[in-house]
Amino acid sequence: MLAPMSTSRTDWAEVMERLIGGDRLALLEVSRLLSGFLRRWNAYDFRDEWDDLIQEVVLATASALSEGRIRERAAVVGYLQSTARFKLADRLKRHLRCREDDQLPWEDTLGGAIELETAEQPGDHSHSELDQALEELDPAKRQAVLAVYAEGMTYEEAAAATGLPLGTLKRYLRDGLGSLRRAMRPRVRRRR
C-alpha cells in the first residue's frame, strides 16, 4: 500500500509540469490526490467513472497551466480540487437528467404484453370499472395518467400542462398505472 501524500509538502505545479512532460509517475501522484478528494466527498456511486473524471480534471488543469490561467504555483492543488468538485457535480446533474429521460419500467410491457379483456358480451362493465378505478386515484396522479394516456400528450407536454416537474410526472404515471393495474387485475390477462 502506498503511503498517503501530503498536499502541503508537495509542489503540485511541479508535479503537473512533469505530467505535461509525459512523466507517468506524476500522473499516478495526481490520480491519487484526486481519488482522495473523491473518497472524502463519498463519491462512491460514481466509482466506475472516476478514471474518466480524473482524466478530465488533469486535462483541464494542464490546459490552465499551459495557458497561464493559474498564476501562483500554490494554487494548483486548489485548482485540481475545485475542478474535480465541479466535474463531479456536472456528472451528478447529467446522471439525474438521464434518469428522468429513461423509459419507465412499465412502458415496454403496457402497450403489448398486457391487455384488458374486451369480450363483446352483454353486461360488460370494464369501462365503468376503469372509470371507478380512475376516480379512486389521487387527483394529481389521475391528471397525469389522463394527460398522457387519454389525451395523448408527450411527457414534456403533460408536465407543462400539469405544472409538474418531468420526474414527478413520470413517478405519478408509474404509481397511477400501478394502482389501475391492481384495481383492474381480475380483468387483466397476459398475452401468450
N, C-alpha and C. Protein backbone atom coordinates (compact mmCIF):
# COMPACT_ATOMS: atom_id res chain seq x y z
N MET A 1 0.85 -1.17 0.00
CA MET A 1 0.00 0.00 0.00
C MET A 1 0.89 1.24 0.00
N LEU A 2 0.53 2.22 -0.78
CA LEU A 2 1.31 3.44 -0.86
C LEU A 2 0.98 4.34 0.31
N ALA A 3 1.98 5.06 0.79
CA ALA A 3 1.77 5.99 1.89
C ALA A 3 0.96 7.19 1.40
N PRO A 4 0.09 7.75 2.26
CA PRO A 4 -0.68 8.91 1.85
C PRO A 4 0.23 10.09 1.54
N MET A 5 -0.17 10.88 0.56
CA MET A 5 0.64 12.02 0.18
C MET A 5 0.12 13.26 0.89
N SER A 6 1.01 14.11 1.26
CA SER A 6 0.64 15.37 1.90
C SER A 6 0.54 16.44 0.83
N THR A 7 -0.59 17.10 0.78
CA THR A 7 -0.75 18.14 -0.23
C THR A 7 0.01 19.39 0.14
N SER A 8 0.32 19.57 1.43
CA SER A 8 1.02 20.80 1.85
C SER A 8 2.50 20.74 1.51
N ARG A 9 3.12 19.56 1.46
CA ARG A 9 4.55 19.45 1.19
C ARG A 9 4.86 19.18 -0.28
N THR A 10 3.87 18.91 -1.06
CA THR A 10 4.08 18.58 -2.47
C THR A 10 3.92 19.82 -3.32
N ASP A 11 4.85 20.04 -4.23
CA ASP A 11 4.74 21.14 -5.19
C ASP A 11 3.93 20.62 -6.38
N TRP A 12 2.62 20.83 -6.33
CA TRP A 12 1.72 20.27 -7.34
C TRP A 12 1.92 20.92 -8.71
N ALA A 13 2.41 22.14 -8.73
CA ALA A 13 2.72 22.75 -10.02
C ALA A 13 3.86 21.98 -10.69
N GLU A 14 4.86 21.59 -9.88
CA GLU A 14 5.97 20.82 -10.42
C GLU A 14 5.50 19.43 -10.87
N VAL A 15 4.60 18.82 -10.09
CA VAL A 15 4.06 17.51 -10.47
C VAL A 15 3.29 17.63 -11.79
N MET A 16 2.49 18.67 -11.92
CA MET A 16 1.73 18.87 -13.17
C MET A 16 2.67 19.15 -14.34
N GLU A 17 3.73 19.89 -14.12
CA GLU A 17 4.69 20.14 -15.19
C GLU A 17 5.36 18.84 -15.63
N ARG A 18 5.69 17.98 -14.66
CA ARG A 18 6.25 16.67 -15.01
C ARG A 18 5.22 15.85 -15.79
N LEU A 19 3.97 15.92 -15.37
CA LEU A 19 2.90 15.18 -16.05
C LEU A 19 2.77 15.66 -17.50
N ILE A 20 2.77 16.97 -17.69
CA ILE A 20 2.68 17.54 -19.04
C ILE A 20 3.87 17.06 -19.89
N GLY A 21 5.01 16.88 -19.24
CA GLY A 21 6.20 16.39 -19.94
C GLY A 21 6.17 14.90 -20.21
N GLY A 22 5.14 14.20 -19.73
CA GLY A 22 4.99 12.78 -20.04
C GLY A 22 5.40 11.84 -18.92
N ASP A 23 5.64 12.34 -17.72
CA ASP A 23 6.06 11.51 -16.59
C ASP A 23 4.85 10.73 -16.06
N ARG A 24 4.90 9.41 -16.19
CA ARG A 24 3.79 8.56 -15.73
C ARG A 24 3.64 8.56 -14.22
N LEU A 25 4.74 8.67 -13.51
CA LEU A 25 4.68 8.72 -12.05
C LEU A 25 3.91 9.96 -11.60
N ALA A 26 4.10 11.06 -12.31
CA ALA A 26 3.37 12.29 -11.97
C ALA A 26 1.86 12.07 -12.16
N LEU A 27 1.49 11.35 -13.20
CA LEU A 27 0.07 11.05 -13.41
C LEU A 27 -0.48 10.23 -12.25
N LEU A 28 0.29 9.26 -11.77
CA LEU A 28 -0.14 8.46 -10.63
C LEU A 28 -0.30 9.31 -9.38
N GLU A 29 0.62 10.26 -9.16
CA GLU A 29 0.53 11.14 -7.99
C GLU A 29 -0.73 12.00 -8.05
N VAL A 30 -1.01 12.58 -9.20
CA VAL A 30 -2.20 13.43 -9.34
C VAL A 30 -3.46 12.57 -9.22
N SER A 31 -3.43 11.38 -9.79
CA SER A 31 -4.59 10.48 -9.69
C SER A 31 -4.87 10.11 -8.24
N ARG A 32 -3.82 9.84 -7.47
CA ARG A 32 -4.00 9.53 -6.04
C ARG A 32 -4.60 10.71 -5.30
N LEU A 33 -4.13 11.91 -5.60
CA LEU A 33 -4.65 13.11 -4.95
C LEU A 33 -6.15 13.27 -5.26
N LEU A 34 -6.48 13.16 -6.55
CA LEU A 34 -7.88 13.34 -6.96
C LEU A 34 -8.77 12.22 -6.43
N SER A 35 -8.28 11.00 -6.40
CA SER A 35 -9.04 9.89 -5.81
C SER A 35 -9.31 10.15 -4.34
N GLY A 36 -8.33 10.74 -3.66
CA GLY A 36 -8.51 11.09 -2.25
C GLY A 36 -9.63 12.11 -2.07
N PHE A 37 -9.68 13.10 -2.96
CA PHE A 37 -10.78 14.08 -2.90
C PHE A 37 -12.12 13.37 -3.09
N LEU A 38 -12.19 12.50 -4.08
CA LEU A 38 -13.45 11.81 -4.38
C LEU A 38 -13.87 10.92 -3.22
N ARG A 39 -12.92 10.26 -2.58
CA ARG A 39 -13.24 9.44 -1.40
C ARG A 39 -13.75 10.32 -0.26
N ARG A 40 -13.10 11.43 -0.06
CA ARG A 40 -13.51 12.35 1.01
C ARG A 40 -14.93 12.88 0.76
N TRP A 41 -15.30 13.02 -0.50
CA TRP A 41 -16.65 13.51 -0.84
C TRP A 41 -17.66 12.37 -0.93
N ASN A 42 -17.22 11.15 -0.63
CA ASN A 42 -18.09 9.97 -0.69
C ASN A 42 -18.75 9.80 -2.05
N ALA A 43 -17.98 9.94 -3.09
CA ALA A 43 -18.49 9.85 -4.46
C ALA A 43 -18.47 8.42 -4.97
N TYR A 44 -18.76 7.48 -4.10
CA TYR A 44 -18.65 6.06 -4.45
C TYR A 44 -19.70 5.61 -5.46
N ASP A 45 -20.83 6.31 -5.54
CA ASP A 45 -21.84 5.96 -6.54
C ASP A 45 -21.31 6.12 -7.96
N PHE A 46 -20.28 6.94 -8.11
CA PHE A 46 -19.70 7.20 -9.42
C PHE A 46 -18.32 6.56 -9.55
N ARG A 47 -18.04 5.55 -8.74
CA ARG A 47 -16.71 4.94 -8.71
C ARG A 47 -16.28 4.45 -10.09
N ASP A 48 -17.20 3.93 -10.87
CA ASP A 48 -16.84 3.44 -12.20
C ASP A 48 -16.50 4.58 -13.16
N GLU A 49 -16.78 5.82 -12.78
CA GLU A 49 -16.49 6.96 -13.64
C GLU A 49 -15.29 7.76 -13.15
N TRP A 50 -14.66 7.34 -12.06
CA TRP A 50 -13.56 8.11 -11.51
C TRP A 50 -12.42 8.29 -12.50
N ASP A 51 -12.07 7.26 -13.24
CA ASP A 51 -10.95 7.37 -14.18
C ASP A 51 -11.21 8.46 -15.22
N ASP A 52 -12.43 8.47 -15.77
CA ASP A 52 -12.77 9.49 -16.77
C ASP A 52 -12.79 10.89 -16.14
N LEU A 53 -13.33 10.98 -14.94
CA LEU A 53 -13.41 12.27 -14.26
C LEU A 53 -11.99 12.78 -13.95
N ILE A 54 -11.13 11.90 -13.48
CA ILE A 54 -9.74 12.29 -13.18
C ILE A 54 -9.05 12.75 -14.46
N GLN A 55 -9.27 12.06 -15.55
CA GLN A 55 -8.67 12.46 -16.82
C GLN A 55 -9.15 13.86 -17.23
N GLU A 56 -10.43 14.13 -17.08
CA GLU A 56 -10.97 15.45 -17.42
C GLU A 56 -10.32 16.54 -16.56
N VAL A 57 -10.18 16.26 -15.26
CA VAL A 57 -9.59 17.24 -14.35
C VAL A 57 -8.12 17.49 -14.70
N VAL A 58 -7.40 16.42 -14.98
CA VAL A 58 -5.98 16.55 -15.34
C VAL A 58 -5.84 17.37 -16.62
N LEU A 59 -6.65 17.07 -17.61
CA LEU A 59 -6.57 17.83 -18.88
C LEU A 59 -6.93 19.30 -18.68
N ALA A 60 -7.97 19.57 -17.89
CA ALA A 60 -8.36 20.96 -17.64
C ALA A 60 -7.27 21.71 -16.89
N THR A 61 -6.65 21.05 -15.91
CA THR A 61 -5.60 21.69 -15.13
C THR A 61 -4.34 21.90 -15.98
N ALA A 62 -3.98 20.91 -16.77
CA ALA A 62 -2.82 21.05 -17.66
C ALA A 62 -3.04 22.20 -18.64
N SER A 63 -4.23 22.29 -19.17
CA SER A 63 -4.57 23.37 -20.10
C SER A 63 -4.48 24.73 -19.40
N ALA A 64 -5.02 24.81 -18.19
CA ALA A 64 -4.98 26.08 -17.45
C ALA A 64 -3.54 26.49 -17.14
N LEU A 65 -2.71 25.52 -16.79
CA LEU A 65 -1.29 25.82 -16.54
C LEU A 65 -0.60 26.30 -17.81
N SER A 66 -0.82 25.60 -18.90
CA SER A 66 -0.18 25.94 -20.17
C SER A 66 -0.59 27.32 -20.66
N GLU A 67 -1.84 27.68 -20.40
CA GLU A 67 -2.36 28.97 -20.87
C GLU A 67 -2.10 30.10 -19.87
N GLY A 68 -1.49 29.79 -18.74
CA GLY A 68 -1.17 30.81 -17.75
C GLY A 68 -2.35 31.27 -16.92
N ARG A 69 -3.43 30.49 -16.87
CA ARG A 69 -4.60 30.88 -16.07
C ARG A 69 -4.40 30.60 -14.59
N ILE A 70 -3.43 29.78 -14.23
CA ILE A 70 -3.08 29.55 -12.83
C ILE A 70 -1.80 30.33 -12.59
N ARG A 71 -1.91 31.44 -11.88
CA ARG A 71 -0.76 32.36 -11.75
C ARG A 71 0.20 31.95 -10.65
N GLU A 72 -0.32 31.39 -9.56
CA GLU A 72 0.55 31.04 -8.43
C GLU A 72 0.70 29.53 -8.35
N ARG A 73 1.89 29.08 -8.13
CA ARG A 73 2.17 27.64 -8.07
C ARG A 73 1.38 26.96 -6.96
N ALA A 74 1.20 27.65 -5.84
CA ALA A 74 0.49 27.07 -4.70
C ALA A 74 -1.00 26.88 -4.99
N ALA A 75 -1.51 27.53 -6.02
CA ALA A 75 -2.93 27.45 -6.35
C ALA A 75 -3.29 26.20 -7.14
N VAL A 76 -2.31 25.43 -7.59
CA VAL A 76 -2.57 24.27 -8.43
C VAL A 76 -3.42 23.24 -7.70
N VAL A 77 -3.10 22.94 -6.44
CA VAL A 77 -3.87 21.93 -5.70
C VAL A 77 -5.32 22.41 -5.52
N GLY A 78 -5.51 23.69 -5.26
CA GLY A 78 -6.87 24.23 -5.15
C GLY A 78 -7.61 24.15 -6.47
N TYR A 79 -6.88 24.40 -7.57
CA TYR A 79 -7.49 24.30 -8.90
C TYR A 79 -7.90 22.86 -9.19
N LEU A 80 -7.03 21.91 -8.85
CA LEU A 80 -7.35 20.49 -9.04
C LEU A 80 -8.60 20.13 -8.23
N GLN A 81 -8.64 20.56 -6.97
CA GLN A 81 -9.77 20.22 -6.10
C GLN A 81 -11.07 20.85 -6.59
N SER A 82 -11.05 22.13 -6.90
CA SER A 82 -12.30 22.78 -7.33
C SER A 82 -12.76 22.26 -8.68
N THR A 83 -11.83 21.96 -9.58
CA THR A 83 -12.20 21.41 -10.88
C THR A 83 -12.81 20.02 -10.70
N ALA A 84 -12.22 19.21 -9.82
CA ALA A 84 -12.78 17.89 -9.55
C ALA A 84 -14.20 18.00 -8.98
N ARG A 85 -14.40 18.94 -8.08
CA ARG A 85 -15.73 19.13 -7.49
C ARG A 85 -16.74 19.54 -8.57
N PHE A 86 -16.37 20.47 -9.43
CA PHE A 86 -17.29 20.91 -10.49
C PHE A 86 -17.57 19.79 -11.49
N LYS A 87 -16.55 19.05 -11.86
CA LYS A 87 -16.74 17.94 -12.81
C LYS A 87 -17.63 16.85 -12.19
N LEU A 88 -17.46 16.58 -10.90
CA LEU A 88 -18.31 15.61 -10.21
C LEU A 88 -19.75 16.11 -10.18
N ALA A 89 -19.95 17.38 -9.88
CA ALA A 89 -21.30 17.94 -9.86
C ALA A 89 -21.95 17.86 -11.25
N ASP A 90 -21.16 18.13 -12.29
CA ASP A 90 -21.69 18.01 -13.66
C ASP A 90 -22.13 16.59 -13.96
N ARG A 91 -21.34 15.62 -13.54
CA ARG A 91 -21.71 14.21 -13.77
C ARG A 91 -22.96 13.84 -12.99
N LEU A 92 -23.08 14.34 -11.78
CA LEU A 92 -24.26 14.06 -10.98
C LEU A 92 -25.50 14.64 -11.66
N LYS A 93 -25.42 15.88 -12.13
CA LYS A 93 -26.55 16.50 -12.82
C LYS A 93 -26.90 15.73 -14.09
N ARG A 94 -25.89 15.35 -14.85
CA ARG A 94 -26.11 14.59 -16.08
C ARG A 94 -26.78 13.26 -15.77
N HIS A 95 -26.31 12.61 -14.71
CA HIS A 95 -26.87 11.31 -14.30
C HIS A 95 -28.34 11.46 -13.92
N LEU A 96 -28.66 12.50 -13.18
CA LEU A 96 -30.05 12.71 -12.77
C LEU A 96 -30.93 13.04 -13.97
N ARG A 97 -30.39 13.84 -14.91
CA ARG A 97 -31.17 14.17 -16.12
C ARG A 97 -31.42 12.92 -16.93
N CYS A 98 -30.42 12.07 -17.06
CA CYS A 98 -30.58 10.82 -17.83
C CYS A 98 -31.62 9.93 -17.18
N ARG A 99 -31.63 9.88 -15.86
CA ARG A 99 -32.61 9.04 -15.18
C ARG A 99 -34.02 9.55 -15.42
N GLU A 100 -34.20 10.88 -15.52
CA GLU A 100 -35.53 11.41 -15.82
C GLU A 100 -35.97 11.03 -17.23
N ASP A 101 -34.99 10.94 -18.15
CA ASP A 101 -35.32 10.64 -19.54
C ASP A 101 -35.45 9.14 -19.80
N ASP A 102 -35.05 8.31 -18.83
CA ASP A 102 -35.15 6.87 -19.01
C ASP A 102 -36.60 6.45 -19.23
N GLN A 103 -36.75 5.38 -19.95
CA GLN A 103 -38.07 4.83 -20.16
C GLN A 103 -38.53 4.19 -18.85
N LEU A 104 -39.74 4.44 -18.49
CA LEU A 104 -40.25 3.87 -17.26
C LEU A 104 -40.37 2.36 -17.40
N PRO A 105 -40.21 1.62 -16.28
CA PRO A 105 -40.16 0.16 -16.36
C PRO A 105 -41.39 -0.47 -16.97
N TRP A 106 -42.53 0.13 -16.83
CA TRP A 106 -43.76 -0.48 -17.33
C TRP A 106 -44.06 -0.09 -18.76
N GLU A 107 -43.29 0.83 -19.34
CA GLU A 107 -43.60 1.30 -20.69
C GLU A 107 -43.42 0.22 -21.75
N ASP A 108 -42.44 -0.67 -21.57
CA ASP A 108 -42.20 -1.71 -22.58
C ASP A 108 -43.40 -2.65 -22.67
N THR A 109 -43.98 -2.97 -21.51
CA THR A 109 -44.97 -4.04 -21.48
C THR A 109 -46.40 -3.53 -21.54
N LEU A 110 -46.62 -2.28 -21.19
CA LEU A 110 -48.00 -1.83 -21.07
C LEU A 110 -48.74 -1.93 -22.40
N GLY A 111 -48.12 -1.48 -23.47
CA GLY A 111 -48.81 -1.48 -24.74
C GLY A 111 -48.96 -2.85 -25.36
N GLY A 112 -48.02 -3.78 -25.10
CA GLY A 112 -48.04 -5.02 -25.82
C GLY A 112 -48.41 -6.24 -25.01
N ALA A 113 -47.84 -6.41 -23.84
CA ALA A 113 -47.99 -7.67 -23.15
C ALA A 113 -49.24 -7.74 -22.28
N ILE A 114 -49.79 -6.62 -21.90
CA ILE A 114 -50.96 -6.64 -21.04
C ILE A 114 -52.12 -6.02 -21.80
N GLU A 115 -53.24 -6.66 -21.75
CA GLU A 115 -54.42 -6.09 -22.41
C GLU A 115 -55.64 -6.37 -21.56
N LEU A 116 -56.62 -5.51 -21.67
CA LEU A 116 -57.88 -5.74 -20.98
C LEU A 116 -58.70 -6.73 -21.78
N GLU A 117 -59.38 -7.60 -21.08
CA GLU A 117 -60.31 -8.49 -21.77
C GLU A 117 -61.48 -7.64 -22.23
N THR A 118 -61.73 -7.67 -23.52
CA THR A 118 -62.81 -6.84 -24.05
C THR A 118 -63.82 -7.72 -24.77
N ALA A 119 -64.32 -8.67 -24.04
CA ALA A 119 -65.32 -9.56 -24.63
C ALA A 119 -66.57 -8.75 -24.93
N GLU A 120 -67.08 -8.92 -26.12
CA GLU A 120 -68.28 -8.20 -26.53
C GLU A 120 -69.50 -8.94 -25.99
N GLN A 121 -69.64 -8.88 -24.68
CA GLN A 121 -70.75 -9.59 -24.07
C GLN A 121 -71.68 -8.58 -23.42
N PRO A 122 -72.97 -8.92 -23.38
CA PRO A 122 -73.87 -8.05 -22.65
C PRO A 122 -73.47 -8.02 -21.18
N GLY A 123 -73.59 -6.85 -20.56
CA GLY A 123 -73.27 -6.72 -19.16
C GLY A 123 -71.79 -6.50 -18.91
N ASP A 124 -71.00 -6.24 -19.97
CA ASP A 124 -69.58 -5.98 -19.78
C ASP A 124 -69.44 -4.61 -19.10
N HIS A 125 -68.76 -4.59 -17.97
CA HIS A 125 -68.66 -3.37 -17.18
C HIS A 125 -67.24 -2.82 -17.11
N SER A 126 -66.39 -3.18 -18.08
CA SER A 126 -64.98 -2.78 -17.99
C SER A 126 -64.80 -1.27 -17.98
N HIS A 127 -65.61 -0.55 -18.76
CA HIS A 127 -65.45 0.90 -18.81
C HIS A 127 -65.86 1.53 -17.49
N SER A 128 -66.94 1.07 -16.89
CA SER A 128 -67.35 1.66 -15.61
C SER A 128 -66.36 1.29 -14.51
N GLU A 129 -65.78 0.10 -14.57
CA GLU A 129 -64.77 -0.29 -13.58
C GLU A 129 -63.51 0.57 -13.75
N LEU A 130 -63.13 0.84 -14.98
CA LEU A 130 -61.98 1.69 -15.24
C LEU A 130 -62.25 3.11 -14.75
N ASP A 131 -63.45 3.61 -15.05
CA ASP A 131 -63.82 4.94 -14.57
C ASP A 131 -63.76 5.01 -13.05
N GLN A 132 -64.25 3.97 -12.39
CA GLN A 132 -64.24 3.94 -10.93
C GLN A 132 -62.80 3.89 -10.42
N ALA A 133 -61.97 3.07 -11.05
CA ALA A 133 -60.56 2.99 -10.64
C ALA A 133 -59.85 4.33 -10.84
N LEU A 134 -60.17 5.02 -11.94
CA LEU A 134 -59.60 6.36 -12.17
C LEU A 134 -60.05 7.34 -11.10
N GLU A 135 -61.32 7.28 -10.73
CA GLU A 135 -61.85 8.17 -9.70
C GLU A 135 -61.18 7.96 -8.35
N GLU A 136 -60.75 6.73 -8.09
CA GLU A 136 -60.11 6.42 -6.81
C GLU A 136 -58.65 6.87 -6.75
N LEU A 137 -58.08 7.23 -7.90
CA LEU A 137 -56.70 7.71 -7.93
C LEU A 137 -56.58 9.07 -7.27
N ASP A 138 -55.41 9.34 -6.72
CA ASP A 138 -55.09 10.67 -6.24
C ASP A 138 -55.28 11.63 -7.42
N PRO A 139 -55.89 12.82 -7.21
CA PRO A 139 -56.18 13.73 -8.32
C PRO A 139 -54.96 14.08 -9.20
N ALA A 140 -53.80 14.28 -8.58
CA ALA A 140 -52.61 14.62 -9.37
C ALA A 140 -52.18 13.45 -10.26
N LYS A 141 -52.28 12.24 -9.72
CA LYS A 141 -51.91 11.05 -10.50
C LYS A 141 -52.93 10.82 -11.61
N ARG A 142 -54.21 11.01 -11.31
CA ARG A 142 -55.25 10.86 -12.33
C ARG A 142 -55.02 11.86 -13.45
N GLN A 143 -54.72 13.11 -13.09
CA GLN A 143 -54.47 14.14 -14.11
C GLN A 143 -53.29 13.76 -15.00
N ALA A 144 -52.22 13.23 -14.40
CA ALA A 144 -51.05 12.82 -15.18
C ALA A 144 -51.39 11.67 -16.12
N VAL A 145 -52.09 10.67 -15.61
CA VAL A 145 -52.46 9.50 -16.43
C VAL A 145 -53.36 9.91 -17.58
N LEU A 146 -54.35 10.72 -17.30
CA LEU A 146 -55.27 11.15 -18.36
C LEU A 146 -54.58 12.02 -19.40
N ALA A 147 -53.68 12.90 -18.95
CA ALA A 147 -52.98 13.78 -19.90
C ALA A 147 -52.17 12.96 -20.90
N VAL A 148 -51.46 11.94 -20.41
CA VAL A 148 -50.58 11.16 -21.29
C VAL A 148 -51.37 10.10 -22.05
N TYR A 149 -52.23 9.34 -21.36
CA TYR A 149 -52.85 8.18 -21.98
C TYR A 149 -54.23 8.42 -22.56
N ALA A 150 -54.93 9.44 -22.12
CA ALA A 150 -56.24 9.73 -22.72
C ALA A 150 -56.12 10.84 -23.76
N GLU A 151 -55.30 11.85 -23.44
CA GLU A 151 -55.17 12.99 -24.36
C GLU A 151 -53.99 12.85 -25.31
N GLY A 152 -53.13 11.86 -25.08
CA GLY A 152 -52.02 11.60 -25.99
C GLY A 152 -50.88 12.59 -25.93
N MET A 153 -50.75 13.30 -24.82
CA MET A 153 -49.65 14.27 -24.70
C MET A 153 -48.33 13.54 -24.48
N THR A 154 -47.25 14.18 -24.91
CA THR A 154 -45.93 13.66 -24.58
C THR A 154 -45.68 13.95 -23.11
N TYR A 155 -44.63 13.34 -22.55
CA TYR A 155 -44.32 13.61 -21.14
C TYR A 155 -44.05 15.09 -20.92
N GLU A 156 -43.29 15.69 -21.83
CA GLU A 156 -42.95 17.10 -21.70
C GLU A 156 -44.20 17.97 -21.77
N GLU A 157 -45.10 17.67 -22.71
CA GLU A 157 -46.34 18.44 -22.82
C GLU A 157 -47.20 18.28 -21.58
N ALA A 158 -47.29 17.05 -21.08
CA ALA A 158 -48.10 16.79 -19.87
C ALA A 158 -47.49 17.49 -18.66
N ALA A 159 -46.16 17.49 -18.56
CA ALA A 159 -45.50 18.17 -17.44
C ALA A 159 -45.80 19.67 -17.49
N ALA A 160 -45.74 20.24 -18.69
CA ALA A 160 -46.04 21.67 -18.83
C ALA A 160 -47.52 21.95 -18.53
N ALA A 161 -48.41 21.09 -19.01
CA ALA A 161 -49.85 21.31 -18.81
C ALA A 161 -50.24 21.16 -17.34
N THR A 162 -49.61 20.23 -16.63
CA THR A 162 -49.97 19.99 -15.24
C THR A 162 -49.14 20.82 -14.27
N GLY A 163 -48.05 21.40 -14.76
CA GLY A 163 -47.18 22.18 -13.89
C GLY A 163 -46.29 21.32 -13.01
N LEU A 164 -46.17 20.06 -13.34
CA LEU A 164 -45.34 19.13 -12.57
C LEU A 164 -43.95 19.02 -13.19
N PRO A 165 -42.90 18.87 -12.37
CA PRO A 165 -41.58 18.56 -12.94
C PRO A 165 -41.65 17.21 -13.66
N LEU A 166 -40.84 17.04 -14.68
CA LEU A 166 -40.88 15.83 -15.51
C LEU A 166 -40.70 14.56 -14.68
N GLY A 167 -39.75 14.55 -13.76
CA GLY A 167 -39.52 13.37 -12.92
C GLY A 167 -40.74 13.05 -12.06
N THR A 168 -41.38 14.07 -11.51
CA THR A 168 -42.58 13.87 -10.69
C THR A 168 -43.71 13.32 -11.54
N LEU A 169 -43.88 13.87 -12.74
CA LEU A 169 -44.92 13.38 -13.64
C LEU A 169 -44.72 11.90 -13.92
N LYS A 170 -43.50 11.49 -14.21
CA LYS A 170 -43.23 10.09 -14.51
C LYS A 170 -43.50 9.20 -13.30
N ARG A 171 -43.16 9.71 -12.12
CA ARG A 171 -43.44 8.94 -10.89
C ARG A 171 -44.94 8.80 -10.70
N TYR A 172 -45.69 9.88 -10.93
CA TYR A 172 -47.15 9.82 -10.81
C TYR A 172 -47.74 8.85 -11.84
N LEU A 173 -47.19 8.84 -13.04
CA LEU A 173 -47.66 7.90 -14.06
C LEU A 173 -47.41 6.46 -13.63
N ARG A 174 -46.20 6.21 -13.16
CA ARG A 174 -45.86 4.85 -12.71
C ARG A 174 -46.77 4.42 -11.56
N ASP A 175 -46.92 5.29 -10.57
CA ASP A 175 -47.76 4.94 -9.41
C ASP A 175 -49.23 4.82 -9.81
N GLY A 176 -49.71 5.75 -10.64
CA GLY A 176 -51.11 5.73 -11.06
C GLY A 176 -51.44 4.49 -11.88
N LEU A 177 -50.56 4.14 -12.82
CA LEU A 177 -50.81 2.94 -13.62
C LEU A 177 -50.71 1.67 -12.79
N GLY A 178 -49.82 1.68 -11.80
CA GLY A 178 -49.74 0.54 -10.89
C GLY A 178 -51.04 0.37 -10.11
N SER A 179 -51.61 1.47 -9.64
CA SER A 179 -52.88 1.41 -8.92
C SER A 179 -54.01 0.93 -9.85
N LEU A 180 -54.02 1.44 -11.07
CA LEU A 180 -55.05 1.00 -12.03
C LEU A 180 -54.89 -0.48 -12.34
N ARG A 181 -53.66 -0.92 -12.51
CA ARG A 181 -53.41 -2.33 -12.81
C ARG A 181 -53.93 -3.22 -11.68
N ARG A 182 -53.64 -2.81 -10.43
CA ARG A 182 -54.12 -3.59 -9.29
C ARG A 182 -55.64 -3.58 -9.21
N ALA A 183 -56.25 -2.45 -9.48
CA ALA A 183 -57.71 -2.35 -9.43
C ALA A 183 -58.38 -3.18 -10.52
N MET A 184 -57.72 -3.28 -11.67
CA MET A 184 -58.31 -3.98 -12.81
C MET A 184 -57.78 -5.41 -12.94
N ARG A 185 -56.96 -5.86 -12.01
CA ARG A 185 -56.29 -7.16 -12.10
C ARG A 185 -57.25 -8.30 -12.47
N PRO A 186 -58.43 -8.40 -11.90
CA PRO A 186 -59.31 -9.51 -12.29
C PRO A 186 -59.64 -9.52 -13.78
N ARG A 187 -59.55 -8.36 -14.44
CA ARG A 187 -59.91 -8.26 -15.85
C ARG A 187 -58.68 -8.30 -16.75
N VAL A 188 -57.51 -8.39 -16.19
CA VAL A 188 -56.27 -8.36 -16.99
C VAL A 188 -55.78 -9.78 -17.19
N ARG A 189 -55.39 -10.06 -18.40
CA ARG A 189 -54.79 -11.36 -18.68
C ARG A 189 -53.54 -11.12 -19.50
N ARG A 190 -52.62 -12.03 -19.45
CA ARG A 190 -51.37 -11.92 -20.21
C ARG A 190 -51.55 -12.56 -21.58
N ARG A 191 -51.00 -11.88 -22.59
CA ARG A 191 -50.99 -12.48 -23.94
C ARG A 191 -49.92 -13.52 -24.02
N ARG A 192 -50.12 -14.53 -24.79
CA ARG A 192 -49.09 -15.57 -24.96
C ARG A 192 -48.46 -15.46 -26.31
